[in-house]
Amino acid sequence: MTNTTQPENLIGPDRVMDVRPIPCSIKHGLIIRTWLDLPVGAHFILLNDHDPVPLYYQFSAQWPDTFSWQHLVKGSDEVRVKITKLKPLAEVPEPVPHCCGGH
């Protein structure tokens, strides 16, 4: 029997995603997938046992200006971060060919 963890099962009605019991090897992927699946304007509150600074840097590098990251609790053994999707994710645009004399 395999036990897979689905992001929709991790967020309770209070919008809290408790990742403390999740192994580090899959934690970031689940958090990212959960955020990617959010509609614009929606959020969840990440509950972790440490400040997920590397995850913040990953979001900043891959999806600049598309999210907000707000610390709600920053304790020694409990950190809560509200992560909101602010904009749709831009796809890599196709190059636009220049025509008609170059303006």
PDB file of N, CA and C in Angstrom:
ATOM      1  N   MET A   1       0.839  -1.190   0.000  1.00  0.00           N
ATOM      2  CA  MET A   1       0.000   0.000   0.000  1.00  0.00           C
ATOM      3  C   MET A   1       0.876   1.241   0.000  1.00  0.00           C
ATOM      4  N   THR A   2       0.646   2.124  -0.942  1.00  0.00           N
ATOM      5  CA  THR A   2       1.417   3.362  -1.002  1.00  0.00           C
ATOM      6  C   THR A   2       0.603   4.480  -0.409  1.00  0.00           C
ATOM      7  N   ASN A   3       1.300   5.373   0.248  1.00  0.00           N
ATOM      8  CA  ASN A   3       0.641   6.510   0.877  1.00  0.00           C
ATOM      9  C   ASN A   3       1.174   7.774   0.225  1.00  0.00           C
ATOM     10  N   THR A   4       0.398   8.356  -0.676  1.00  0.00           N
ATOM     11  CA  THR A   4       0.821   9.584  -1.327  1.00  0.00           C
ATOM     12  C   THR A   4       0.151  10.759  -0.648  1.00  0.00           C
ATOM     13  N   THR A   5       0.871  11.848  -0.573  1.00  0.00           N
ATOM     14  CA  THR A   5       0.351  13.046   0.064  1.00  0.00           C
ATOM     15  C   THR A   5      -0.051  14.035  -1.013  1.00  0.00           C
ATOM     16  N   GLN A   6      -1.315  14.394  -1.044  1.00  0.00           N
ATOM     17  CA  GLN A   6      -1.825  15.333  -2.029  1.00  0.00           C
ATOM     18  C   GLN A   6      -1.974  16.705  -1.383  1.00  0.00           C
ATOM     19  N   PRO A   7      -1.591  17.784  -2.096  1.00  0.00           N
ATOM     20  CA  PRO A   7      -1.678  19.118  -1.516  1.00  0.00           C
ATOM     21  C   PRO A   7      -3.073  19.485  -1.029  1.00  0.00           C
ATOM     22  N   GLU A   8      -4.111  19.057  -1.762  1.00  0.00           N
ATOM     23  CA  GLU A   8      -5.456  19.434  -1.345  1.00  0.00           C
ATOM     24  C   GLU A   8      -5.830  18.815  -0.009  1.00  0.00           C
ATOM     25  N   ASN A   9      -5.152  17.731   0.375  1.00  0.00           N
ATOM     26  CA  ASN A   9      -5.410  17.105   1.655  1.00  0.00           C
ATOM     27  C   ASN A   9      -4.617  17.758   2.781  1.00  0.00           C
ATOM     28  N   LEU A  10      -3.683  18.602   2.447  1.00  0.00           N
ATOM     29  CA  LEU A  10      -2.807  19.207   3.445  1.00  0.00           C
ATOM     30  C   LEU A  10      -3.328  20.530   3.975  1.00  0.00           C
ATOM     31  N   ILE A  11      -4.250  21.146   3.262  1.00  0.00           N
ATOM     32  CA  ILE A  11      -4.761  22.451   3.676  1.00  0.00           C
ATOM     33  C   ILE A  11      -6.125  22.259   4.321  1.00  0.00           C
ATOM     34  N   GLY A  12      -6.213  22.682   5.566  1.00  0.00           N
ATOM     35  CA  GLY A  12      -7.467  22.568   6.293  1.00  0.00           C
ATOM     36  C   GLY A  12      -8.409  23.708   5.951  1.00  0.00           C
ATOM     37  N   PRO A  13      -9.596  23.697   6.542  1.00  0.00           N
ATOM     38  CA  PRO A  13     -10.574  24.758   6.282  1.00  0.00           C
ATOM     39  C   PRO A  13     -10.077  26.130   6.731  1.00  0.00           C
ATOM     40  N   ASP A  14      -9.082  26.138   7.624  1.00  0.00           N
ATOM     41  CA  ASP A  14      -8.510  27.409   8.076  1.00  0.00           C
ATOM     42  C   ASP A  14      -7.384  27.888   7.151  1.00  0.00           C
ATOM     43  N   ARG A  15      -7.201  27.205   6.016  1.00  0.00           N
ATOM     44  CA  ARG A  15      -6.193  27.530   4.982  1.00  0.00           C
ATOM     45  C   ARG A  15      -4.764  27.269   5.467  1.00  0.00           C
ATOM     46  N   VAL A  16      -4.581  26.513   6.550  1.00  0.00           N
ATOM     47  CA  VAL A  16      -3.252  26.217   7.071  1.00  0.00           C
ATOM     48  C   VAL A  16      -2.739  24.918   6.455  1.00  0.00           C
ATOM     49  N   MET A  17      -1.521  24.969   5.935  1.00  0.00           N
ATOM     50  CA  MET A  17      -0.835  23.792   5.398  1.00  0.00           C
ATOM     51  C   MET A  17       0.293  23.448   6.364  1.00  0.00           C
ATOM     52  N   ASP A  18       0.070  22.424   7.191  1.00  0.00           N
ATOM     53  CA  ASP A  18       1.051  22.009   8.192  1.00  0.00           C
ATOM     54  C   ASP A  18       2.022  21.030   7.553  1.00  0.00           C
ATOM     55  N   VAL A  19       3.253  21.473   7.318  1.00  0.00           N
ATOM     56  CA  VAL A  19       4.249  20.622   6.665  1.00  0.00           C
ATOM     57  C   VAL A  19       5.260  20.054   7.658  1.00  0.00           C
ATOM     58  N   ARG A  20       5.048  20.273   8.936  1.00  0.00           N
ATOM     59  CA  ARG A  20       5.999  19.783   9.939  1.00  0.00           C
ATOM     60  C   ARG A  20       6.213  18.278   9.882  1.00  0.00           C
ATOM     61  N   PRO A  21       5.176  17.451   9.684  1.00  0.00           N
ATOM     62  CA  PRO A  21       5.419  16.007   9.669  1.00  0.00           C
ATOM     63  C   PRO A  21       5.887  15.456   8.315  1.00  0.00           C
ATOM     64  N   ILE A  22       6.028  16.308   7.309  1.00  0.00           N
ATOM     65  CA  ILE A  22       6.369  15.848   5.960  1.00  0.00           C
ATOM     66  C   ILE A  22       7.891  15.769   5.818  1.00  0.00           C
ATOM     67  N   PRO A  23       8.404  14.696   5.247  1.00  0.00           N
ATOM     68  CA  PRO A  23       9.858  14.577   5.059  1.00  0.00           C
ATOM     69  C   PRO A  23      10.407  15.710   4.187  1.00  0.00           C
ATOM     70  N   CYS A  24      11.579  16.186   4.559  1.00  0.00           N
ATOM     71  CA  CYS A  24      12.200  17.298   3.840  1.00  0.00           C
ATOM     72  C   CYS A  24      12.373  17.010   2.355  1.00  0.00           C
ATOM     73  N   SER A  25      12.569  15.750   2.016  1.00  0.00           N
ATOM     74  CA  SER A  25      12.827  15.394   0.620  1.00  0.00           C
ATOM     75  C   SER A  25      11.658  15.724  -0.304  1.00  0.00           C
ATOM     76  N   ILE A  26      10.442  15.830   0.236  1.00  0.00           N
ATOM     77  CA  ILE A  26       9.292  16.143  -0.616  1.00  0.00           C
ATOM     78  C   ILE A  26       8.568  17.428  -0.213  1.00  0.00           C
ATOM     79  N   LYS A  27       8.996  18.025   0.878  1.00  0.00           N
ATOM     80  CA  LYS A  27       8.285  19.189   1.437  1.00  0.00           C
ATOM     81  C   LYS A  27       8.215  20.368   0.462  1.00  0.00           C
ATOM     82  N   HIS A  28       9.361  20.790  -0.094  1.00  0.00           N
ATOM     83  CA  HIS A  28       9.358  21.955  -0.983  1.00  0.00           C
ATOM     84  C   HIS A  28       8.492  21.713  -2.211  1.00  0.00           C
ATOM     85  N   GLY A  29       8.579  20.528  -2.782  1.00  0.00           N
ATOM     86  CA  GLY A  29       7.782  20.224  -3.963  1.00  0.00           C
ATOM     87  C   GLY A  29       6.292  20.320  -3.697  1.00  0.00           C
ATOM     88  N   LEU A  30       5.857  19.829  -2.545  1.00  0.00           N
ATOM     89  CA  LEU A  30       4.439  19.909  -2.189  1.00  0.00           C
ATOM     90  C   LEU A  30       3.992  21.356  -1.983  1.00  0.00           C
ATOM     91  N   ILE A  31       4.828  22.132  -1.325  1.00  0.00           N
ATOM     92  CA  ILE A  31       4.485  23.538  -1.081  1.00  0.00           C
ATOM     93  C   ILE A  31       4.375  24.288  -2.411  1.00  0.00           C
ATOM     94  N   ILE A  32       5.351  24.081  -3.274  1.00  0.00           N
ATOM     95  CA  ILE A  32       5.358  24.765  -4.569  1.00  0.00           C
ATOM     96  C   ILE A  32       4.158  24.337  -5.408  1.00  0.00           C
ATOM     97  N   ARG A  33       3.894  23.045  -5.467  1.00  0.00           N
ATOM     98  CA  ARG A  33       2.757  22.558  -6.258  1.00  0.00           C
ATOM     99  C   ARG A  33       1.453  23.137  -5.720  1.00  0.00           C
ATOM    100  N   THR A  34       1.327  23.216  -4.412  1.00  0.00           N
ATOM    101  CA  THR A  34       0.124  23.792  -3.807  1.00  0.00           C
ATOM    102  C   THR A  34      -0.039  25.248  -4.235  1.00  0.00           C
ATOM    103  N   TRP A  35       1.047  26.019  -4.189  1.00  0.00           N
ATOM    104  CA  TRP A  35       0.980  27.429  -4.588  1.00  0.00           C
ATOM    105  C   TRP A  35       0.684  27.565  -6.080  1.00  0.00           C
ATOM    106  N   LEU A  36       1.327  26.737  -6.906  1.00  0.00           N
ATOM    107  CA  LEU A  36       1.088  26.808  -8.348  1.00  0.00           C
ATOM    108  C   LEU A  36      -0.381  26.551  -8.686  1.00  0.00           C
ATOM    109  N   ASP A  37      -1.031  25.678  -7.911  1.00  0.00           N
ATOM    110  CA  ASP A  37      -2.431  25.330  -8.166  1.00  0.00           C
ATOM    111  C   ASP A  37      -3.430  26.365  -7.639  1.00  0.00           C
ATOM    112  N   LEU A  38      -2.952  27.347  -6.874  1.00  0.00           N
ATOM    113  CA  LEU A  38      -3.863  28.365  -6.338  1.00  0.00           C
ATOM    114  C   LEU A  38      -4.389  29.270  -7.443  1.00  0.00           C
ATOM    115  N   PRO A  39      -5.640  29.698  -7.338  1.00  0.00           N
ATOM    116  CA  PRO A  39      -6.097  30.777  -8.221  1.00  0.00           C
ATOM    117  C   PRO A  39      -5.489  32.113  -7.767  1.00  0.00           C
ATOM    118  N   VAL A  40      -5.413  33.044  -8.672  1.00  0.00           N
ATOM    119  CA  VAL A  40      -4.888  34.370  -8.337  1.00  0.00           C
ATOM    120  C   VAL A  40      -5.749  34.973  -7.232  1.00  0.00           C
ATOM    121  N   GLY A  41      -5.087  35.537  -6.238  1.00  0.00           N
ATOM    122  CA  GLY A  41      -5.761  36.153  -5.100  1.00  0.00           C
ATOM    123  C   GLY A  41      -5.939  35.220  -3.913  1.00  0.00           C
ATOM    124  N   ALA A  42      -5.749  33.928  -4.131  1.00  0.00           N
ATOM    125  CA  ALA A  42      -5.908  32.958  -3.039  1.00  0.00           C
ATOM    126  C   ALA A  42      -4.588  32.805  -2.271  1.00  0.00           C
ATOM    127  N   HIS A  43      -4.697  32.228  -1.071  1.00  0.00           N
ATOM    128  CA  HIS A  43      -3.517  32.055  -0.237  1.00  0.00           C
ATOM    129  C   HIS A  43      -3.647  30.783   0.600  1.00  0.00           C
ATOM    130  N   PHE A  44      -2.543  30.396   1.201  1.00  0.00           N
ATOM    131  CA  PHE A  44      -2.556  29.413   2.273  1.00  0.00           C
ATOM    132  C   PHE A  44      -1.525  29.857   3.291  1.00  0.00           C
ATOM    133  N   ILE A  45      -1.634  29.312   4.484  1.00  0.00           N
ATOM    134  CA  ILE A  45      -0.694  29.641   5.554  1.00  0.00           C
ATOM    135  C   ILE A  45       0.185  28.430   5.775  1.00  0.00           C
ATOM    136  N   LEU A  46       1.453  28.589   5.513  1.00  0.00           N
ATOM    137  CA  LEU A  46       2.423  27.529   5.683  1.00  0.00           C
ATOM    138  C   LEU A  46       2.823  27.451   7.148  1.00  0.00           C
ATOM    139  N   LEU A  47       2.644  26.283   7.750  1.00  0.00           N
ATOM    140  CA  LEU A  47       3.038  26.048   9.137  1.00  0.00           C
ATOM    141  C   LEU A  47       4.235  25.117   9.120  1.00  0.00           C
ATOM    142  N   ASN A  48       5.360  25.589   9.639  1.00  0.00           N
ATOM    143  CA  ASN A  48       6.596  24.830   9.614  1.00  0.00           C
ATOM    144  C   ASN A  48       7.293  24.959  10.965  1.00  0.00           C
ATOM    145  N   ASP A  49       8.305  24.139  11.177  1.00  0.00           N
ATOM    146  CA  ASP A  49       9.042  24.193  12.441  1.00  0.00           C
ATOM    147  C   ASP A  49      10.280  25.080  12.357  1.00  0.00           C
ATOM    148  N   HIS A  50      10.517  25.689  11.201  1.00  0.00           N
ATOM    149  CA  HIS A  50      11.626  26.632  11.032  1.00  0.00           C
ATOM    150  C   HIS A  50      11.250  27.613   9.920  1.00  0.00           C
ATOM    151  N   ASP A  51      11.976  28.720   9.847  1.00  0.00           N
ATOM    152  CA  ASP A  51      11.724  29.727   8.818  1.00  0.00           C
ATOM    153  C   ASP A  51      12.209  29.191   7.472  1.00  0.00           C
ATOM    154  N   PRO A  52      11.323  29.058   6.487  1.00  0.00           N
ATOM    155  CA  PRO A  52      11.698  28.465   5.203  1.00  0.00           C
ATOM    156  C   PRO A  52      12.372  29.460   4.255  1.00  0.00           C
ATOM    157  N   VAL A  53      13.486  30.025   4.699  1.00  0.00           N
ATOM    158  CA  VAL A  53      14.188  31.050   3.916  1.00  0.00           C
ATOM    159  C   VAL A  53      14.608  30.540   2.537  1.00  0.00           C
ATOM    160  N   PRO A  54      15.187  29.331   2.409  1.00  0.00           N
ATOM    161  CA  PRO A  54      15.551  28.864   1.064  1.00  0.00           C
ATOM    162  C   PRO A  54      14.351  28.778   0.119  1.00  0.00           C
ATOM    163  N   LEU A  55      13.204  28.423   0.651  1.00  0.00           N
ATOM    164  CA  LEU A  55      11.992  28.359  -0.168  1.00  0.00           C
ATOM    165  C   LEU A  55      11.596  29.754  -0.649  1.00  0.00           C
ATOM    166  N   TYR A  56      11.711  30.738   0.226  1.00  0.00           N
ATOM    167  CA  TYR A  56      11.419  32.119  -0.165  1.00  0.00           C
ATOM    168  C   TYR A  56      12.337  32.549  -1.323  1.00  0.00           C
ATOM    169  N   TYR A  57      13.625  32.231  -1.211  1.00  0.00           N
ATOM    170  CA  TYR A  57      14.566  32.597  -2.278  1.00  0.00           C
ATOM    171  C   TYR A  57      14.238  31.877  -3.581  1.00  0.00           C
ATOM    172  N   GLN A  58      13.769  30.643  -3.484  1.00  0.00           N
ATOM    173  CA  GLN A  58      13.377  29.908  -4.686  1.00  0.00           C
ATOM    174  C   GLN A  58      12.168  30.575  -5.344  1.00  0.00           C
ATOM    175  N   PHE A  59      11.166  30.942  -4.552  1.00  0.00           N
ATOM    176  CA  PHE A  59      10.008  31.659  -5.084  1.00  0.00           C
ATOM    177  C   PHE A  59      10.457  32.961  -5.750  1.00  0.00           C
ATOM    178  N   SER A  60      11.325  33.714  -5.072  1.00  0.00           N
ATOM    179  CA  SER A  60      11.777  35.009  -5.597  1.00  0.00           C
ATOM    180  C   SER A  60      12.515  34.857  -6.921  1.00  0.00           C
ATOM    181  N   ALA A  61      13.305  33.805  -7.051  1.00  0.00           N
ATOM    182  CA  ALA A  61      14.075  33.599  -8.274  1.00  0.00           C
ATOM    183  C   ALA A  61      13.191  33.104  -9.414  1.00  0.00           C
ATOM    184  N   GLN A  62      12.268  32.198  -9.122  1.00  0.00           N
ATOM    185  CA  GLN A  62      11.476  31.588 -10.183  1.00  0.00           C
ATOM    186  C   GLN A  62      10.210  32.358 -10.538  1.00  0.00           C
ATOM    187  N   TRP A  63       9.602  33.010  -9.564  1.00  0.00           N
ATOM    188  CA  TRP A  63       8.326  33.690  -9.798  1.00  0.00           C
ATOM    189  C   TRP A  63       8.325  35.086  -9.184  1.00  0.00           C
ATOM    190  N   PRO A  64       9.253  35.947  -9.585  1.00  0.00           N
ATOM    191  CA  PRO A  64       9.299  37.294  -8.992  1.00  0.00           C
ATOM    192  C   PRO A  64       8.001  38.054  -9.255  1.00  0.00           C
ATOM    193  N   ASP A  65       7.588  38.822  -8.258  1.00  0.00           N
ATOM    194  CA  ASP A  65       6.419  39.703  -8.364  1.00  0.00           C
ATOM    195  C   ASP A  65       5.095  38.976  -8.551  1.00  0.00           C
ATOM    196  N   THR A  66       5.044  37.667  -8.292  1.00  0.00           N
ATOM    197  CA  THR A  66       3.784  36.943  -8.469  1.00  0.00           C
ATOM    198  C   THR A  66       3.230  36.422  -7.145  1.00  0.00           C
ATOM    199  N   PHE A  67       3.911  36.726  -6.039  1.00  0.00           N
ATOM    200  CA  PHE A  67       3.478  36.203  -4.750  1.00  0.00           C
ATOM    201  C   PHE A  67       3.759  37.218  -3.654  1.00  0.00           C
ATOM    202  N   SER A  68       3.056  37.065  -2.526  1.00  0.00           N
ATOM    203  CA  SER A  68       3.429  37.797  -1.317  1.00  0.00           C
ATOM    204  C   SER A  68       3.770  36.768  -0.261  1.00  0.00           C
ATOM    205  N   TRP A  69       4.663  37.147   0.633  1.00  0.00           N
ATOM    206  CA  TRP A  69       5.212  36.254   1.667  1.00  0.00           C
ATOM    207  C   TRP A  69       5.157  37.023   2.970  1.00  0.00           C
ATOM    208  N   GLN A  70       4.217  36.713   3.817  1.00  0.00           N
ATOM    209  CA  GLN A  70       4.010  37.473   5.044  1.00  0.00           C
ATOM    210  C   GLN A  70       4.149  36.564   6.262  1.00  0.00           C
ATOM    211  N   HIS A  71       5.133  36.859   7.105  1.00  0.00           N
ATOM    212  CA  HIS A  71       5.291  36.095   8.345  1.00  0.00           C
ATOM    213  C   HIS A  71       4.181  36.492   9.320  1.00  0.00           C
ATOM    214  N   LEU A  72       3.428  35.509   9.782  1.00  0.00           N
ATOM    215  CA  LEU A  72       2.390  35.737  10.778  1.00  0.00           C
ATOM    216  C   LEU A  72       2.890  35.370  12.171  1.00  0.00           C
ATOM    217  N   VAL A  73       3.689  34.308  12.254  1.00  0.00           N
ATOM    218  CA  VAL A  73       4.320  33.860  13.491  1.00  0.00           C
ATOM    219  C   VAL A  73       5.744  33.489  13.138  1.00  0.00           C
ATOM    220  N   LYS A  74       6.693  33.964  13.941  1.00  0.00           N
ATOM    221  CA  LYS A  74       8.093  33.650  13.694  1.00  0.00           C
ATOM    222  C   LYS A  74       8.730  33.248  15.018  1.00  0.00           C
ATOM    223  N   GLY A  75       8.353  32.062  15.511  1.00  0.00           N
ATOM    224  CA  GLY A  75       8.865  31.559  16.771  1.00  0.00           C
ATOM    225  C   GLY A  75      10.046  30.631  16.579  1.00  0.00           C
ATOM    226  N   SER A  76      10.586  30.148  17.691  1.00  0.00           N
ATOM    227  CA  SER A  76      11.749  29.269  17.607  1.00  0.00           C
ATOM    228  C   SER A  76      11.374  27.863  17.131  1.00  0.00           C
ATOM    229  N   ASP A  77      10.127  27.438  17.352  1.00  0.00           N
ATOM    230  CA  ASP A  77       9.722  26.104  16.915  1.00  0.00           C
ATOM    231  C   ASP A  77       8.429  26.098  16.090  1.00  0.00           C
ATOM    232  N   GLU A  78       7.910  27.271  15.797  1.00  0.00           N
ATOM    233  CA  GLU A  78       6.727  27.385  14.948  1.00  0.00           C
ATOM    234  C   GLU A  78       6.824  28.649  14.114  1.00  0.00           C
ATOM    235  N   VAL A  79       6.696  28.461  12.802  1.00  0.00           N
ATOM    236  CA  VAL A  79       6.695  29.583  11.871  1.00  0.00           C
ATOM    237  C   VAL A  79       5.454  29.442  10.996  1.00  0.00           C
ATOM    238  N   ARG A  80       4.733  30.541  10.852  1.00  0.00           N
ATOM    239  CA  ARG A  80       3.562  30.579   9.968  1.00  0.00           C
ATOM    240  C   ARG A  80       3.774  31.701   8.957  1.00  0.00           C
ATOM    241  N   VAL A  81       3.691  31.329   7.683  1.00  0.00           N
ATOM    242  CA  VAL A  81       3.889  32.283   6.597  1.00  0.00           C
ATOM    243  C   VAL A  81       2.661  32.236   5.693  1.00  0.00           C
ATOM    244  N   LYS A  82       2.065  33.393   5.470  1.00  0.00           N
ATOM    245  CA  LYS A  82       0.937  33.497   4.541  1.00  0.00           C
ATOM    246  C   LYS A  82       1.512  33.723   3.150  1.00  0.00           C
ATOM    247  N   ILE A  83       1.242  32.780   2.248  1.00  0.00           N
ATOM    248  CA  ILE A  83       1.742  32.857   0.874  1.00  0.00           C
ATOM    249  C   ILE A  83       0.539  33.055  -0.033  1.00  0.00           C
ATOM    250  N   THR A  84       0.545  34.172  -0.759  1.00  0.00           N
ATOM    251  CA  THR A  84      -0.571  34.547  -1.627  1.00  0.00           C
ATOM    252  C   THR A  84      -0.102  34.613  -3.064  1.00  0.00           C
ATOM    253  N   LYS A  85      -0.908  34.113  -3.980  1.00  0.00           N
ATOM    254  CA  LYS A  85      -0.605  34.248  -5.412  1.00  0.00           C
ATOM    255  C   LYS A  85      -1.198  35.575  -5.868  1.00  0.00           C
ATOM    256  N   LEU A  86      -0.337  36.470  -6.331  1.00  0.00           N
ATOM    257  CA  LEU A  86      -0.767  37.819  -6.714  1.00  0.00           C
ATOM    258  C   LEU A  86      -1.108  37.951  -8.188  1.00  0.00           C
ATOM    259  N   LYS A  87      -0.443  37.189  -9.038  1.00  0.00           N
ATOM    260  CA  LYS A  87      -0.617  37.320 -10.483  1.00  0.00           C
ATOM    261  C   LYS A  87      -0.594  35.936 -11.113  1.00  0.00           C
ATOM    262  N   PRO A  88      -1.175  35.830 -12.308  1.00  0.00           N
ATOM    263  CA  PRO A  88      -1.009  34.575 -13.035  1.00  0.00           C
ATOM    264  C   PRO A  88       0.458  34.417 -13.417  1.00  0.00           C
ATOM    265  N   LEU A  89       0.890  33.206 -13.535  1.00  0.00           N
ATOM    266  CA  LEU A  89       2.280  32.965 -13.903  1.00  0.00           C
ATOM    267  C   LEU A  89       2.435  33.171 -15.393  1.00  0.00           C
ATOM    268  N   ALA A  90       3.402  33.989 -15.756  1.00  0.00           N
ATOM    269  CA  ALA A  90       3.646  34.271 -17.168  1.00  0.00           C
ATOM    270  C   ALA A  90       4.362  33.088 -17.799  1.00  0.00           C
ATOM    271  N   GLU A  91       3.896  32.701 -18.949  1.00  0.00           N
ATOM    272  CA  GLU A  91       4.597  31.671 -19.691  1.00  0.00           C
ATOM    273  C   GLU A  91       5.728  32.342 -20.450  1.00  0.00           C
ATOM    274  N   VAL A  92       6.703  31.566 -20.818  1.00  0.00           N
ATOM    275  CA  VAL A  92       7.814  32.117 -21.583  1.00  0.00           C
ATOM    276  C   VAL A  92       7.265  32.548 -22.933  1.00  0.00           C
ATOM    277  N   PRO A  93       7.367  33.853 -23.236  1.00  0.00           N
ATOM    278  CA  PRO A  93       6.784  34.334 -24.488  1.00  0.00           C
ATOM    279  C   PRO A  93       7.585  33.874 -25.696  1.00  0.00           C
ATOM    280  N   GLU A  94       6.865  33.620 -26.767  1.00  0.00           N
ATOM    281  CA  GLU A  94       7.516  33.324 -28.040  1.00  0.00           C
ATOM    282  C   GLU A  94       8.104  34.622 -28.580  1.00  0.00           C
ATOM    283  N   PRO A  95       9.271  34.538 -29.224  1.00  0.00           N
ATOM    284  CA  PRO A  95       9.819  35.765 -29.818  1.00  0.00           C
ATOM    285  C   PRO A  95       8.862  36.319 -30.872  1.00  0.00           C
ATOM    286  N   VAL A  96       8.690  37.627 -30.838  1.00  0.00           N
ATOM    287  CA  VAL A  96       7.813  38.269 -31.810  1.00  0.00           C
ATOM    288  C   VAL A  96       8.651  38.717 -32.981  1.00  0.00           C
ATOM    289  N   PRO A  97       8.337  38.232 -34.183  1.00  0.00           N
ATOM    290  CA  PRO A  97       9.139  38.639 -35.333  1.00  0.00           C
ATOM    291  C   PRO A  97       8.915  40.114 -35.659  1.00  0.00           C
ATOM    292  N   HIS A  98       9.979  40.767 -36.039  1.00  0.00           N
ATOM    293  CA  HIS A  98       9.873  42.175 -36.452  1.00  0.00           C
ATOM    294  C   HIS A  98       9.502  42.216 -37.917  1.00  0.00           C
ATOM    295  N   CYS A  99       8.666  43.174 -38.274  1.00  0.00           N
ATOM    296  CA  CYS A  99       8.275  43.309 -39.669  1.00  0.00           C
ATOM    297  C   CYS A  99       8.075  44.770 -40.020  1.00  0.00           C
ATOM    298  N   CYS A 100       7.890  45.038 -41.234  1.00  0.00           N
ATOM    299  CA  CYS A 100       7.479  46.358 -41.734  1.00  0.00           C
ATOM    300  C   CYS A 100       8.474  47.460 -41.397  1.00  0.00           C
ATOM    301  N   GLY A 101       9.738  47.242 -41.582  1.00  0.00           N
ATOM    302  CA  GLY A 101      10.702  48.316 -41.478  1.00  0.00           C
ATOM    303  C   GLY A 101      11.302  48.528 -40.100  1.00  0.00           C
ATOM    304  N   GLY A 102      10.980  47.770 -39.099  1.00  0.00           N
ATOM    305  CA  GLY A 102      11.724  47.797 -37.854  1.00  0.00           C
ATOM    306  C   GLY A 102      11.265  48.753 -36.770  1.00  0.00           C
ATOM    307  N   HIS A 103      10.050  49.262 -36.751  1.00  0.00           N
ATOM    308  CA  HIS A 103       9.616  50.091 -35.607  1.00  0.00           C
ATOM    309  C   HIS A 103       8.981  49.263 -34.575  1.00  0.00           C
TER     310      HIS A 103
END
